[in-house]
Amino acid sequence: MNEKSSCEHSRRDDTRLDNFLNCVRDAAAYGLLEEVRTTPKPGLVDLHDNGSHRDMCYETFVASTGAVVPYLVEMAETGWSLEGSPSELFPAIRPIGVRAEAAMFAATGGVNTHKGIIFSLGIIAACLGYQYRRTGVLDPCGVLELGGLATRDWLEQDFDRMKTRPPVTHGEHLFAEYGYRGIRGEAQEGFPALRLFALPAMKQALAVQPDANRARLHVLLTLMANVDDTNILIRSNPQTLEYAQEEARRLLLSHPIITDRAMEELAALNREFVARNISPGGCADLLAIAIFFARLQELIQK
């Protein structure tokens, strides 16, 4: 390859990367904002109220999104640029995640709005960059499975360390007391809640439900019915988690499509969750990622 053709090839690669990162930026911001706009969500911040949260509101999430998205894009670029094996992705993005958390806390006045998203969508963005550069194809399930390959051994080391010292964080306490692995375990397994529940539910709901908000509520209920949400456990106990899962299953059984009646029941369930201090925040994060993938598919196909 001569110098001229080498420069042209480099410019094409740069343009391809720029286009990809613009899509990730748009889809990440869209996913985070549309999740919080999905209404009514039981126990969660939405356009109607703040759910079971006294320290955050819709505007908090808007500020946090603006702070966090640039770091998610940086993680996607890191994945794109990595020449090594997938196992090198996680240590490469961990320092970016630390900076993202600091930016989030600065933007929200110390409120944890998106720590889980920084972890989960950060891993996914890095794996997306790694895969898309090599294949030029958006394969959500392949990206999620790559997330498991990239994190499994590193996160197992985290769990091994937790066994040798007293728990510090909420997640460590849940692991020590109940054996729940939370979002770390979800990542290790290649995000099965997304592959098996959220993404299929999103596709199914959008096929029969023209209202995007109601389709997303269907996805949220599907996640709530099937995920052991550690955000609920942090605030309560396994019995409360089981109650929340049963309520989600009841609504899905009664309303396979989110009707006006289902919207009324969701609003009533929100009041019940607020009274019991229940917040399925882990499921909300997974909903945001499902919205992210749907939006990314639209952008990449343009």
Protein backbone atom coordinates (compact mmCIF):
# COMPACT_ATOMS: atom_id res chain seq x y z
CA MET A 1 0.00 0.00 0.00
CA ASN A 2 1.50 3.36 -1.06
CA GLU A 3 1.44 6.48 1.10
CA LYS A 4 -1.58 8.03 -0.66
CA SER A 5 -3.77 4.93 -0.37
CA SER A 6 -2.63 4.47 3.23
CA CYS A 7 -3.81 8.00 4.08
CA GLU A 8 -7.15 7.42 2.35
CA HIS A 9 -7.60 4.17 4.27
CA SER A 10 -6.80 5.95 7.53
CA ARG A 11 -9.32 8.70 6.77
CA ARG A 12 -12.01 6.10 6.03
CA ASP A 13 -11.26 4.38 9.34
CA ASP A 14 -11.45 7.71 11.19
CA THR A 15 -14.78 8.55 9.54
CA ARG A 16 -16.15 5.11 10.37
CA LEU A 17 -15.10 5.50 14.00
CA ASP A 18 -16.57 9.01 14.24
CA ASN A 19 -19.89 7.83 12.80
CA PHE A 20 -19.98 4.90 15.19
CA LEU A 21 -19.22 7.04 18.25
CA ASN A 22 -21.88 9.57 17.24
CA CYS A 23 -24.41 6.73 17.11
CA VAL A 24 -23.33 5.47 20.54
CA ARG A 25 -23.53 9.00 21.98
CA ASP A 26 -27.04 9.56 20.62
CA ALA A 27 -28.30 6.11 21.64
CA ALA A 28 -26.83 6.31 25.16
CA ALA A 29 -28.36 9.72 25.88
CA TYR A 30 -31.65 8.57 24.36
CA GLY A 31 -31.72 5.37 26.40
CA LEU A 32 -30.99 7.08 29.71
CA LEU A 33 -33.47 9.90 29.16
CA GLU A 34 -36.27 7.78 27.69
CA GLU A 35 -36.01 5.37 30.62
CA VAL A 36 -36.70 8.14 33.13
CA ARG A 37 -39.45 9.54 30.86
CA THR A 38 -41.23 6.18 30.77
CA THR A 39 -44.32 6.74 32.94
CA PRO A 40 -45.80 5.50 35.27
CA LYS A 41 -43.03 3.30 36.70
CA PRO A 42 -43.67 1.68 40.09
CA GLY A 43 -41.31 3.10 42.72
CA LEU A 44 -39.11 4.88 40.17
CA VAL A 45 -38.50 8.47 39.12
CA ASP A 46 -40.61 9.40 36.10
CA LEU A 47 -42.55 12.33 34.66
CA HIS A 48 -45.30 12.01 37.29
CA ASP A 49 -43.32 11.78 40.52
CA ASN A 50 -40.07 10.71 42.17
CA GLY A 51 -41.27 7.25 43.16
CA SER A 52 -39.58 5.92 46.30
CA HIS A 53 -36.74 8.46 46.01
CA ARG A 54 -36.44 11.61 48.10
CA ASP A 55 -32.97 12.58 46.89
CA MET A 56 -33.55 12.69 43.12
CA CYS A 57 -36.03 13.84 40.49
CA TYR A 58 -36.35 14.00 36.71
CA GLU A 59 -33.99 16.99 36.49
CA THR A 60 -31.36 15.07 38.47
CA PHE A 61 -31.38 12.36 35.82
CA VAL A 62 -31.10 14.90 33.01
CA ALA A 63 -28.02 16.44 34.65
CA SER A 64 -26.53 13.01 35.32
CA THR A 65 -27.09 11.89 31.73
CA GLY A 66 -25.16 14.87 30.40
CA ALA A 67 -22.29 14.08 32.74
CA VAL A 68 -22.13 10.33 32.16
CA VAL A 69 -22.66 9.88 28.41
CA PRO A 70 -19.23 11.24 27.31
CA TYR A 71 -17.54 8.54 29.41
CA LEU A 72 -19.71 5.81 27.91
CA VAL A 73 -18.60 7.05 24.49
CA GLU A 74 -14.98 6.97 25.69
CA MET A 75 -15.45 3.35 26.74
CA ALA A 76 -16.86 2.51 23.30
CA GLU A 77 -13.81 4.14 21.70
CA THR A 78 -11.51 2.21 24.03
CA GLY A 79 -13.13 -1.03 22.92
CA TRP A 80 -12.81 -0.03 19.27
CA SER A 81 -9.11 0.79 19.65
CA LEU A 82 -8.10 -2.26 21.69
CA GLU A 83 -5.86 -4.60 19.74
CA GLY A 84 -5.66 -7.31 22.39
CA SER A 85 -8.05 -10.01 23.58
CA PRO A 86 -11.53 -9.34 25.04
CA SER A 87 -10.19 -10.08 28.53
CA GLU A 88 -8.20 -6.83 28.28
CA LEU A 89 -11.35 -4.72 27.87
CA PHE A 90 -12.46 -4.60 31.50
CA PRO A 91 -9.22 -3.35 33.07
CA ALA A 92 -8.92 -0.83 30.22
CA ILE A 93 -12.29 0.79 31.00
CA ARG A 94 -12.32 0.58 34.80
CA PRO A 95 -10.42 3.88 35.26
CA ILE A 96 -12.87 5.56 32.87
CA GLY A 97 -15.70 4.27 35.03
CA VAL A 98 -14.13 5.85 38.12
CA ARG A 99 -13.98 9.22 36.32
CA ALA A 100 -17.57 8.78 35.13
CA GLU A 101 -18.78 8.24 38.70
CA ALA A 102 -16.95 11.36 39.87
CA ALA A 103 -18.58 13.38 37.07
CA MET A 104 -22.00 11.97 37.96
CA PHE A 105 -21.66 12.87 41.64
CA ALA A 106 -20.43 16.35 40.72
CA ALA A 107 -23.43 16.90 38.42
CA THR A 108 -26.01 15.59 40.91
CA GLY A 109 -24.66 17.01 44.15
CA GLY A 110 -23.61 13.59 45.42
CA VAL A 111 -26.66 11.59 44.32
CA ASN A 112 -26.16 8.12 42.82
CA THR A 113 -28.34 8.18 39.71
CA HIS A 114 -26.36 6.11 37.20
CA LYS A 115 -23.64 4.13 38.99
CA GLY A 116 -25.17 0.86 37.81
CA ILE A 117 -25.48 2.15 34.25
CA ILE A 118 -21.85 3.30 34.22
CA PHE A 119 -20.85 -0.26 35.08
CA SER A 120 -23.23 -2.21 32.85
CA LEU A 121 -23.57 0.05 29.82
CA GLY A 122 -19.87 0.89 30.09
CA ILE A 123 -18.98 -2.79 29.65
CA ILE A 124 -21.51 -3.12 26.85
CA ALA A 125 -20.24 0.02 25.07
CA ALA A 126 -16.66 -1.24 25.19
CA CYS A 127 -17.68 -4.66 23.87
CA LEU A 128 -19.78 -2.98 21.20
CA GLY A 129 -16.80 -0.96 20.00
CA TYR A 130 -14.58 -4.04 20.04
CA GLN A 131 -17.06 -6.13 18.06
CA TYR A 132 -18.37 -3.51 15.62
CA ARG A 133 -14.90 -2.49 14.44
CA ARG A 134 -14.18 -6.10 13.55
CA THR A 135 -17.52 -7.12 12.02
CA GLY A 136 -19.35 -3.95 10.98
CA VAL A 137 -22.54 -5.64 12.23
CA LEU A 138 -24.67 -4.74 15.25
CA ASP A 139 -25.29 -8.00 17.09
CA PRO A 140 -26.74 -7.15 20.53
CA CYS A 141 -26.72 -10.71 21.87
CA GLY A 142 -23.18 -11.22 20.61
CA VAL A 143 -22.11 -8.00 22.33
CA LEU A 144 -23.73 -9.10 25.60
CA GLU A 145 -22.09 -12.52 25.46
CA LEU A 146 -18.77 -10.80 24.78
CA GLY A 147 -19.42 -8.81 27.97
CA GLY A 148 -19.42 -12.08 29.89
CA LEU A 149 -16.19 -13.20 28.27
CA ALA A 150 -14.55 -9.83 28.98
CA THR A 151 -15.52 -9.65 32.66
CA ARG A 152 -15.95 -13.19 33.99
CA ASP A 153 -12.49 -13.78 35.44
CA TRP A 154 -11.98 -10.19 36.63
CA LEU A 155 -15.29 -10.10 38.48
CA GLU A 156 -14.72 -13.54 39.98
CA GLN A 157 -11.57 -12.07 41.51
CA ASP A 158 -13.78 -9.35 43.01
CA PHE A 159 -16.06 -11.98 44.55
CA ASP A 160 -13.07 -13.91 45.90
CA ARG A 161 -11.81 -10.75 47.61
CA MET A 162 -15.25 -10.13 49.12
CA LYS A 163 -15.07 -13.52 50.84
CA THR A 164 -11.89 -12.54 52.69
CA ARG A 165 -12.96 -9.20 54.21
CA PRO A 166 -15.98 -7.61 55.86
CA PRO A 167 -18.55 -6.22 53.39
CA VAL A 168 -18.45 -2.47 52.75
CA THR A 169 -20.89 -1.61 49.96
CA HIS A 170 -24.57 -2.52 49.70
CA GLY A 171 -23.76 -5.06 47.01
CA GLU A 172 -21.08 -6.68 49.16
CA HIS A 173 -23.51 -6.99 52.07
CA LEU A 174 -26.08 -8.71 49.82
CA PHE A 175 -23.41 -11.10 48.52
CA ALA A 176 -22.25 -11.90 52.06
CA GLU A 177 -25.75 -12.35 53.49
CA TYR A 178 -27.72 -13.91 50.64
CA GLY A 179 -25.22 -14.83 47.92
CA TYR A 180 -26.78 -12.39 45.45
CA ARG A 181 -24.24 -11.37 42.80
CA GLY A 182 -26.24 -8.45 41.41
CA ILE A 183 -25.10 -6.65 38.29
CA ARG A 184 -21.60 -8.16 38.58
CA GLY A 185 -23.10 -11.62 38.24
CA GLU A 186 -25.32 -10.42 35.41
CA ALA A 187 -22.25 -9.16 33.54
CA GLN A 188 -20.31 -12.38 34.18
CA GLU A 189 -23.09 -14.41 32.60
CA GLY A 190 -23.32 -12.22 29.50
CA PHE A 191 -26.33 -10.18 30.67
CA PRO A 192 -29.00 -12.92 30.47
CA ALA A 193 -31.73 -10.56 31.73
CA LEU A 194 -31.21 -8.51 28.57
CA ARG A 195 -30.70 -11.40 26.16
CA LEU A 196 -33.52 -13.60 27.44
CA PHE A 197 -36.08 -11.08 28.67
CA ALA A 198 -35.62 -7.38 27.88
CA LEU A 199 -34.60 -7.51 24.21
CA PRO A 200 -37.22 -10.12 23.18
CA ALA A 201 -39.89 -8.29 25.20
CA MET A 202 -38.99 -5.00 23.52
CA LYS A 203 -39.25 -6.54 20.06
CA GLN A 204 -42.55 -8.23 20.90
CA ALA A 205 -44.08 -5.17 22.55
CA LEU A 206 -43.15 -2.78 19.74
CA ALA A 207 -44.63 -5.20 17.19
CA VAL A 208 -48.08 -5.09 18.82
CA GLN A 209 -47.99 -1.79 20.71
CA PRO A 210 -47.63 1.43 18.69
CA ASP A 211 -47.19 3.51 21.86
CA ALA A 212 -43.47 3.45 22.74
CA ASN A 213 -44.07 4.44 26.36
CA ARG A 214 -46.45 1.53 26.91
CA ALA A 215 -44.12 -0.88 25.11
CA ARG A 216 -41.34 0.14 27.49
CA LEU A 217 -43.59 -0.37 30.50
CA HIS A 218 -44.19 -3.91 29.24
CA VAL A 219 -40.42 -4.44 29.10
CA LEU A 220 -40.01 -3.06 32.62
CA LEU A 221 -42.67 -5.42 33.99
CA THR A 222 -41.02 -8.35 32.19
CA LEU A 223 -37.72 -7.49 33.87
CA MET A 224 -39.34 -6.97 37.28
CA ALA A 225 -41.00 -10.39 37.01
CA ASN A 226 -37.76 -12.21 36.20
CA VAL A 227 -34.82 -10.33 37.74
CA ASP A 228 -33.60 -10.55 41.34
CA ASP A 229 -33.26 -6.78 41.62
CA THR A 230 -30.68 -6.00 44.29
CA ASN A 231 -31.92 -2.40 44.47
CA ILE A 232 -35.09 -3.80 46.01
CA LEU A 233 -33.10 -6.03 48.35
CA ILE A 234 -30.91 -3.14 49.52
CA ARG A 235 -34.03 -1.38 50.80
CA SER A 236 -35.84 -4.44 52.16
CA ASN A 237 -35.53 -8.24 52.11
CA PRO A 238 -36.09 -11.30 49.88
CA GLN A 239 -39.78 -11.42 50.82
CA THR A 240 -40.31 -7.90 49.48
CA LEU A 241 -38.44 -8.80 46.30
CA GLU A 242 -40.74 -11.80 45.85
CA TYR A 243 -43.78 -9.56 46.39
CA ALA A 244 -42.58 -7.12 43.71
CA GLN A 245 -41.92 -9.97 41.27
CA GLU A 246 -45.38 -11.45 41.88
CA GLU A 247 -47.05 -8.07 41.30
CA ALA A 248 -45.21 -7.72 37.99
CA ARG A 249 -46.25 -11.24 36.96
CA ARG A 250 -49.85 -10.51 37.91
CA LEU A 251 -49.93 -7.39 35.74
CA LEU A 252 -48.32 -9.16 32.79
CA LEU A 253 -50.81 -12.02 33.04
CA SER A 254 -53.76 -9.61 33.24
CA HIS A 255 -52.43 -7.22 30.61
CA PRO A 256 -50.20 -8.83 27.91
CA ILE A 257 -50.56 -5.44 26.18
CA ILE A 258 -50.45 -2.28 28.29
CA THR A 259 -54.00 -0.91 28.10
CA ASP A 260 -55.59 2.10 29.79
CA ARG A 261 -56.61 -0.21 32.62
CA ALA A 262 -53.04 -1.44 32.95
CA MET A 263 -51.83 2.16 33.18
CA GLU A 264 -54.23 2.73 36.08
CA GLU A 265 -52.96 -0.41 37.83
CA LEU A 266 -49.35 0.67 37.31
CA ALA A 267 -50.13 4.02 38.92
CA ALA A 268 -51.74 2.19 41.86
CA LEU A 269 -48.73 -0.12 42.14
CA ASN A 270 -46.48 2.93 42.19
CA ARG A 271 -48.37 4.23 45.22
CA GLU A 272 -47.99 0.85 46.92
CA PHE A 273 -44.26 0.68 46.13
CA VAL A 274 -43.74 4.21 47.47
CA ALA A 275 -45.55 3.28 50.69
CA ARG A 276 -43.27 0.24 51.06
CA ASN A 277 -40.09 2.03 49.88
CA ILE A 278 -39.62 -0.34 46.94
CA SER A 279 -37.53 0.78 43.97
CA PRO A 280 -36.67 -1.64 41.13
CA GLY A 281 -33.71 0.47 40.05
CA GLY A 282 -31.74 -2.42 38.61
CA CYS A 283 -34.61 -3.20 36.25
CA ALA A 284 -34.74 0.48 35.29
CA ASP A 285 -31.07 0.31 34.27
CA LEU A 286 -31.75 -2.76 32.14
CA LEU A 287 -34.71 -0.99 30.52
CA ALA A 288 -32.42 1.93 29.63
CA ILE A 289 -30.01 -0.50 27.95
CA ALA A 290 -32.84 -2.15 25.99
CA ILE A 291 -33.92 1.29 24.76
CA PHE A 292 -30.26 2.04 23.93
CA PHE A 293 -30.00 -1.03 21.70
CA ALA A 294 -33.29 -0.28 19.93
CA ARG A 295 -32.19 3.28 19.22
CA LEU A 296 -28.72 2.19 18.13
CA GLN A 297 -30.23 -0.24 15.64
CA GLU A 298 -32.24 2.61 14.10
CA LEU A 299 -29.21 4.89 13.86
CA ILE A 300 -26.83 2.33 12.39
CA GLN A 301 -29.36 1.30 9.74
CA LYS A 302 -29.70 4.90 8.48
